[in-house]
Amino acid sequence: MSEQVETLTLVFADISGSTRIIQAHGDQVAHQLIQRCLECVAAAVRLHHGQVREKIGDELMCTFADPREALRAALEIQRAVKAAGEAGELPATLRMHVGLHHGRLLVQQDQLFGDTIHIAKRMVDLAKTDQILTTQETLNAAGVMSDMRFRVADQIRIKGYDAPVEIYEVMRQDPSVTLIAQSAQPLAMGEHYCRCSLSYGGQSFTLDAKRHVLSIGREEGNDLMIPESCVSRRHGRLEYQKGRIIYVDQSTNGTSIFEDDAQAPIIVHREQRWLRGRGLLRFGQRSGDTGQVTLHYRCETSTESPPTQ
């Protein structure tokens, strides 16, 4: 029996509200409506170069070679099913919830095995109606996505993993929110390495290929501890990812990002943003506040290779 290990993005798309459809229309009609809904989902998967691997009840399991296409397919699934409901082709109560994870899979003929399946299944099980949930691994593999945004939704424990797994909600980018859309600008041609210098009070830090994470919060144990009431215990963190610096907000009150070349601050709340150039982060305060809870940053890109560890 031939087998191989592949790195893929696994997507589970599950119907919400199927029980109500059965109660309202009876088994036979409900079955036809559910099949029509799953055909709509499968079409969205094929549109984005995915493959439907298995039908499990009211759920489809699909794989994608490209995590970016998997994320776009997840949004298209939601859009297509909702549009079919609005057009009267499907009951409006038939909606979807989607979960996905990027990782290694053991492929034996048409069967898939591995932790990636279990993690993706946890994502869809946790997702609410009309919600798409994924993991940091998916976002890392996808890189910059200007047509969507991500919000930190939760942290969960998964058996076999030492650290909590962070869950992100995937949302279509609102074209009217231009400041957030700017957060996903790709690096210019030839730029592939970034070093970020950070300063708060008398403290200074550097994020680069040697140091990947700086945690920020009110409680002890954070790399940068800020004992102010407006700052959450674990307010956020800065990450070095694939030559870029990313700020991930995990706070109650949010973070204001002031970029030197921007006319207005960007407010992030349980979302992530790519940082470029110079600016400052103000934690847990309204954009007009003039408090001292401010971290200055300067990101410098280079075409030189990053230093080895």
Protein backbone atom coordinates (compact mmCIF):
# COMPACT_ATOMS: atom_id res chain seq x y z
CA MET A 1 0.00 0.00 0.00
CA SER A 2 1.55 3.33 -1.11
CA GLU A 3 1.70 6.14 1.42
CA GLN A 4 3.27 9.56 1.59
CA VAL A 5 3.42 12.55 3.92
CA GLU A 6 2.06 15.80 2.51
CA THR A 7 1.71 19.27 3.97
CA LEU A 8 -1.83 20.44 3.26
CA THR A 9 -4.55 22.69 4.62
CA LEU A 10 -7.47 20.62 5.86
CA VAL A 11 -10.92 22.22 5.86
CA PHE A 12 -14.09 20.97 7.54
CA ALA A 13 -17.31 22.66 6.38
CA ASP A 14 -20.36 21.73 8.44
CA ILE A 15 -24.01 22.71 8.04
CA SER A 16 -25.68 24.61 10.87
CA GLY A 17 -29.43 24.26 11.30
CA SER A 18 -29.94 20.89 9.58
CA THR A 19 -32.03 19.57 12.49
CA ARG A 20 -34.51 22.44 12.10
CA ILE A 21 -34.74 21.71 8.37
CA ILE A 22 -35.62 18.07 9.06
CA GLN A 23 -38.26 19.11 11.58
CA ALA A 24 -39.75 21.65 9.19
CA HIS A 25 -39.69 19.67 5.93
CA GLY A 26 -39.41 15.99 6.82
CA ASP A 27 -36.57 13.59 6.10
CA GLN A 28 -36.88 13.31 2.31
CA VAL A 29 -37.12 17.01 1.47
CA ALA A 30 -34.52 17.89 4.11
CA HIS A 31 -32.10 15.37 2.61
CA GLN A 32 -32.50 16.98 -0.82
CA LEU A 33 -31.93 20.48 0.59
CA ILE A 34 -28.86 19.38 2.54
CA GLN A 35 -27.39 17.71 -0.55
CA ARG A 36 -28.01 20.88 -2.55
CA CYS A 37 -26.23 22.87 0.16
CA LEU A 38 -23.23 20.51 0.13
CA GLU A 39 -23.07 20.77 -3.67
CA CYS A 40 -22.83 24.53 -3.24
CA VAL A 41 -19.98 24.02 -0.76
CA ALA A 42 -18.18 21.59 -3.08
CA ALA A 43 -18.40 24.12 -5.94
CA ALA A 44 -16.72 26.75 -3.74
CA VAL A 45 -13.98 24.26 -2.87
CA ARG A 46 -13.31 23.44 -6.54
CA LEU A 47 -13.35 27.14 -7.44
CA HIS A 48 -10.32 27.59 -5.18
CA HIS A 49 -8.48 24.47 -6.38
CA GLY A 50 -9.39 22.30 -3.41
CA GLN A 51 -10.39 18.66 -3.28
CA VAL A 52 -13.39 17.19 -1.46
CA ARG A 53 -12.01 14.15 0.35
CA GLU A 54 -14.98 12.85 2.28
CA LYS A 55 -18.62 13.51 3.14
CA ILE A 56 -19.40 12.86 6.81
CA GLY A 57 -23.10 13.37 7.48
CA ASP A 58 -23.79 17.08 6.98
CA GLU A 59 -20.09 17.88 6.73
CA LEU A 60 -17.43 17.91 4.00
CA MET A 61 -13.73 17.30 4.62
CA CYS A 62 -11.55 19.00 2.01
CA THR A 63 -7.84 19.58 1.36
CA PHE A 64 -5.91 22.40 -0.30
CA ALA A 65 -2.29 22.52 -1.40
CA ASP A 66 -2.32 26.32 -0.96
CA PRO A 67 -3.39 27.66 2.48
CA ARG A 68 -4.28 31.01 0.90
CA GLU A 69 -6.80 29.31 -1.38
CA ALA A 70 -8.15 27.35 1.59
CA LEU A 71 -8.86 30.57 3.48
CA ARG A 72 -10.51 32.12 0.43
CA ALA A 73 -12.58 28.98 -0.10
CA ALA A 74 -13.80 29.13 3.51
CA LEU A 75 -15.07 32.67 2.94
CA GLU A 76 -16.58 31.69 -0.41
CA ILE A 77 -18.43 28.79 1.23
CA GLN A 78 -20.09 31.18 3.66
CA ARG A 79 -20.89 33.69 0.94
CA ALA A 80 -22.29 31.14 -1.54
CA VAL A 81 -24.57 29.40 0.95
CA LYS A 82 -25.87 32.70 2.30
CA ALA A 83 -26.49 33.97 -1.25
CA ALA A 84 -28.38 30.78 -2.11
CA GLY A 85 -30.57 31.34 0.94
CA GLU A 86 -31.28 34.95 -0.01
CA ALA A 87 -32.16 33.84 -3.56
CA GLY A 88 -34.63 31.25 -2.25
CA GLU A 89 -32.59 28.33 -3.57
CA LEU A 90 -31.96 27.10 -0.02
CA PRO A 91 -33.76 27.74 3.28
CA ALA A 92 -32.31 30.82 4.94
CA THR A 93 -31.82 28.76 8.11
CA LEU A 94 -29.23 26.58 6.37
CA ARG A 95 -25.88 28.18 7.18
CA MET A 96 -22.29 26.98 7.54
CA HIS A 97 -19.53 26.90 10.12
CA VAL A 98 -15.98 26.13 9.00
CA GLY A 99 -12.72 25.06 10.64
CA LEU A 100 -9.28 24.62 9.09
CA HIS A 101 -5.69 23.82 10.00
CA HIS A 102 -2.45 23.64 8.02
CA GLY A 103 -0.09 20.78 8.72
CA ARG A 104 1.33 17.40 7.79
CA LEU A 105 -0.93 14.52 6.77
CA LEU A 106 -0.21 10.89 6.09
CA VAL A 107 -1.92 10.01 2.80
CA GLN A 108 -2.68 6.35 2.11
CA GLN A 109 -4.49 6.06 -1.22
CA ASP A 110 -7.67 8.07 -0.54
CA GLN A 111 -7.40 8.05 3.26
CA LEU A 112 -5.87 10.75 5.48
CA PHE A 113 -4.30 10.36 8.91
CA GLY A 114 -2.61 12.67 11.40
CA ASP A 115 -3.01 15.34 14.07
CA THR A 116 -3.89 17.90 11.41
CA ILE A 117 -7.30 16.22 11.06
CA HIS A 118 -7.98 16.34 14.80
CA ILE A 119 -7.00 20.01 15.09
CA ALA A 120 -9.09 21.04 12.06
CA LYS A 121 -12.02 19.10 13.52
CA ARG A 122 -11.66 20.97 16.81
CA MET A 123 -11.80 24.23 14.87
CA VAL A 124 -15.09 23.38 13.14
CA ASP A 125 -16.59 22.00 16.35
CA LEU A 126 -15.79 25.27 18.14
CA ALA A 127 -17.00 27.48 15.29
CA LYS A 128 -20.45 29.02 15.61
CA THR A 129 -22.92 29.53 12.77
CA ASP A 130 -21.40 31.77 10.05
CA GLN A 131 -17.99 31.56 11.73
CA ILE A 132 -14.62 30.40 10.36
CA LEU A 133 -11.90 29.38 12.83
CA THR A 134 -8.29 28.50 12.15
CA THR A 135 -4.86 28.31 13.79
CA GLN A 136 -1.62 30.26 13.84
CA GLU A 137 -0.03 27.56 11.66
CA THR A 138 -2.50 28.34 8.88
CA LEU A 139 -1.84 32.07 9.10
CA ASN A 140 1.92 31.55 9.14
CA ALA A 141 1.74 29.38 6.03
CA ALA A 142 -0.59 31.79 4.21
CA GLY A 143 1.45 34.91 4.91
CA VAL A 144 0.02 38.33 4.10
CA MET A 145 -3.67 38.29 3.07
CA SER A 146 -4.95 41.73 2.07
CA ASP A 147 -8.48 40.49 1.26
CA MET A 148 -9.30 39.29 4.78
CA ARG A 149 -8.61 39.98 8.42
CA PHE A 150 -8.10 37.84 11.50
CA ARG A 151 -9.18 38.19 15.12
CA VAL A 152 -7.78 36.29 18.08
CA ALA A 153 -10.82 34.32 19.26
CA ASP A 154 -9.59 31.99 22.00
CA GLN A 155 -6.89 29.69 23.31
CA ILE A 156 -7.47 25.98 23.84
CA ARG A 157 -5.56 23.03 25.14
CA ILE A 158 -5.10 20.10 22.77
CA LYS A 159 -3.84 16.75 23.94
CA GLY A 160 -0.23 16.23 22.95
CA TYR A 161 0.58 19.96 22.73
CA ASP A 162 2.55 21.58 25.55
CA ALA A 163 1.43 25.14 24.82
CA PRO A 164 -2.14 26.36 24.29
CA VAL A 165 -3.27 26.54 20.67
CA GLU A 166 -4.35 30.02 19.66
CA ILE A 167 -7.54 30.22 17.60
CA TYR A 168 -8.25 32.94 15.04
CA GLU A 169 -11.52 33.95 13.46
CA VAL A 170 -11.29 34.55 9.71
CA MET A 171 -13.34 37.44 8.35
CA ARG A 172 -13.77 39.03 4.95
CA GLN A 173 -12.05 42.39 4.71
CA ASP A 174 -14.56 45.24 4.81
CA PRO A 175 -13.56 47.43 1.83
CA SER A 176 -14.66 50.53 3.76
CA VAL A 177 -12.07 49.88 6.48
CA THR A 178 -9.04 51.11 4.58
CA LEU A 179 -6.71 51.40 7.56
CA ILE A 180 -7.04 47.76 8.47
CA ALA A 181 -6.58 46.73 4.84
CA GLN A 182 -3.22 48.49 4.82
CA SER A 183 -2.01 46.14 7.52
CA ALA A 184 -1.48 43.35 5.04
CA GLN A 185 0.85 45.04 2.58
CA PRO A 186 3.46 42.63 1.22
CA LEU A 187 7.14 43.36 1.44
CA ALA A 188 8.65 45.10 -1.55
CA MET A 189 10.52 43.06 -4.12
CA GLY A 190 13.90 42.01 -2.73
CA GLU A 191 13.04 42.71 0.92
CA HIS A 192 13.15 39.53 2.93
CA TYR A 193 14.48 40.36 6.37
CA CYS A 194 13.28 42.68 9.10
CA ARG A 195 14.73 43.81 12.42
CA CYS A 196 12.48 45.69 14.83
CA SER A 197 13.92 47.94 17.55
CA LEU A 198 11.56 48.61 20.47
CA SER A 199 11.76 51.02 23.39
CA TYR A 200 9.56 51.57 26.44
CA GLY A 201 10.74 53.91 29.16
CA GLY A 202 14.34 52.98 29.78
CA GLN A 203 13.97 49.47 28.35
CA SER A 204 14.92 48.41 24.83
CA PHE A 205 14.35 45.20 22.87
CA THR A 206 15.11 43.83 19.42
CA LEU A 207 13.03 41.35 17.41
CA ASP A 208 14.71 39.56 14.51
CA ALA A 209 15.70 36.08 13.36
CA LYS A 210 17.39 35.51 16.73
CA ARG A 211 14.54 36.66 18.97
CA HIS A 212 11.08 35.84 17.65
CA VAL A 213 8.57 36.93 20.35
CA LEU A 214 8.07 39.75 22.84
CA SER A 215 5.09 39.33 25.18
CA ILE A 216 3.48 42.42 26.73
CA GLY A 217 1.15 42.65 29.71
CA ARG A 218 0.44 43.71 33.27
CA GLU A 219 1.39 40.49 35.05
CA GLU A 220 4.82 39.14 35.85
CA GLY A 221 6.17 36.67 33.34
CA ASN A 222 5.72 38.95 30.34
CA ASP A 223 8.87 40.05 28.53
CA LEU A 224 7.68 43.63 28.90
CA MET A 225 5.66 44.10 32.09
CA ILE A 226 3.56 47.30 32.24
CA PRO A 227 1.84 47.54 35.65
CA GLU A 228 -0.97 49.86 34.57
CA SER A 229 -4.71 49.24 35.06
CA CYS A 230 -5.50 49.93 31.39
CA VAL A 231 -3.15 47.12 30.33
CA SER A 232 -4.45 43.54 30.34
CA ARG A 233 -2.60 40.78 32.18
CA ARG A 234 -1.56 39.38 28.80
CA HIS A 235 -2.19 42.34 26.55
CA GLY A 236 -0.48 41.29 23.33
CA ARG A 237 2.73 40.19 21.72
CA LEU A 238 5.06 41.08 18.89
CA GLU A 239 6.24 38.24 16.65
CA TYR A 240 8.92 37.86 14.02
CA GLN A 241 7.39 35.74 11.23
CA LYS A 242 9.03 35.07 7.87
CA GLY A 243 10.92 38.35 7.84
CA ARG A 244 7.96 40.43 9.06
CA ILE A 245 6.98 41.89 12.43
CA ILE A 246 3.41 41.18 13.54
CA TYR A 247 1.55 42.64 16.51
CA VAL A 248 -1.13 40.33 17.97
CA ASP A 249 -3.61 41.96 20.36
CA GLN A 250 -5.07 39.70 23.08
CA SER A 251 -6.42 42.41 25.36
CA THR A 252 -9.68 43.60 26.86
CA ASN A 253 -9.27 47.25 25.86
CA GLY A 254 -7.36 47.00 22.59
CA THR A 255 -4.27 48.76 21.27
CA SER A 256 -3.85 51.95 19.22
CA ILE A 257 -1.15 51.82 16.53
CA PHE A 258 0.23 55.16 15.37
CA GLU A 259 2.24 54.85 12.14
CA ASP A 260 4.49 57.77 11.27
CA ASP A 261 3.05 58.16 7.78
CA ALA A 262 -0.61 57.62 8.74
CA GLN A 263 -3.10 60.42 9.37
CA ALA A 264 -5.06 58.50 12.00
CA PRO A 265 -4.35 55.67 14.44
CA ILE A 266 -5.37 52.09 13.77
CA ILE A 267 -7.30 50.43 16.60
CA VAL A 268 -6.74 46.69 16.90
CA HIS A 269 -8.72 44.57 19.33
CA ARG A 270 -8.08 40.82 19.35
CA GLU A 271 -6.69 41.13 15.83
CA GLN A 272 -3.23 41.08 14.31
CA ARG A 273 -1.39 43.68 12.24
CA TRP A 274 1.84 43.68 10.28
CA LEU A 275 4.14 46.54 11.36
CA ARG A 276 6.36 48.48 8.97
CA GLY A 277 8.48 51.59 9.31
CA ARG A 278 8.29 53.65 12.49
CA GLY A 279 5.51 54.26 14.96
CA LEU A 280 4.22 53.57 18.42
CA LEU A 281 1.81 51.26 20.19
CA ARG A 282 -0.45 52.68 22.90
CA PHE A 283 -1.94 49.99 25.11
CA GLY A 284 -5.49 50.01 26.46
CA GLN A 285 -6.17 53.68 25.79
CA ARG A 286 -8.39 55.63 23.44
CA SER A 287 -6.61 57.07 20.44
CA GLY A 288 -6.89 60.61 21.84
CA ASP A 289 -5.37 59.80 25.23
CA THR A 290 -1.90 61.16 25.98
CA GLY A 291 -0.75 58.72 28.64
CA GLN A 292 2.69 57.21 28.96
CA VAL A 293 1.73 53.57 28.24
CA THR A 294 3.49 53.76 24.88
CA LEU A 295 5.95 51.46 23.11
CA HIS A 296 7.99 52.95 20.25
CA TYR A 297 8.99 50.71 17.36
CA ARG A 298 11.24 50.97 14.31
CA CYS A 299 11.21 48.21 11.68
CA GLU A 300 14.08 48.09 9.22
CA THR A 301 14.10 45.81 6.18
CA SER A 302 17.17 44.56 4.39
CA THR A 303 18.02 42.51 1.31
CA GLU A 304 20.89 40.96 3.24
CA SER A 305 20.47 37.51 4.73
CA PRO A 306 19.34 37.49 8.38
CA PRO A 307 21.94 36.60 11.01
CA THR A 308 22.23 32.92 11.85
CA GLN A 309 21.33 31.77 15.32
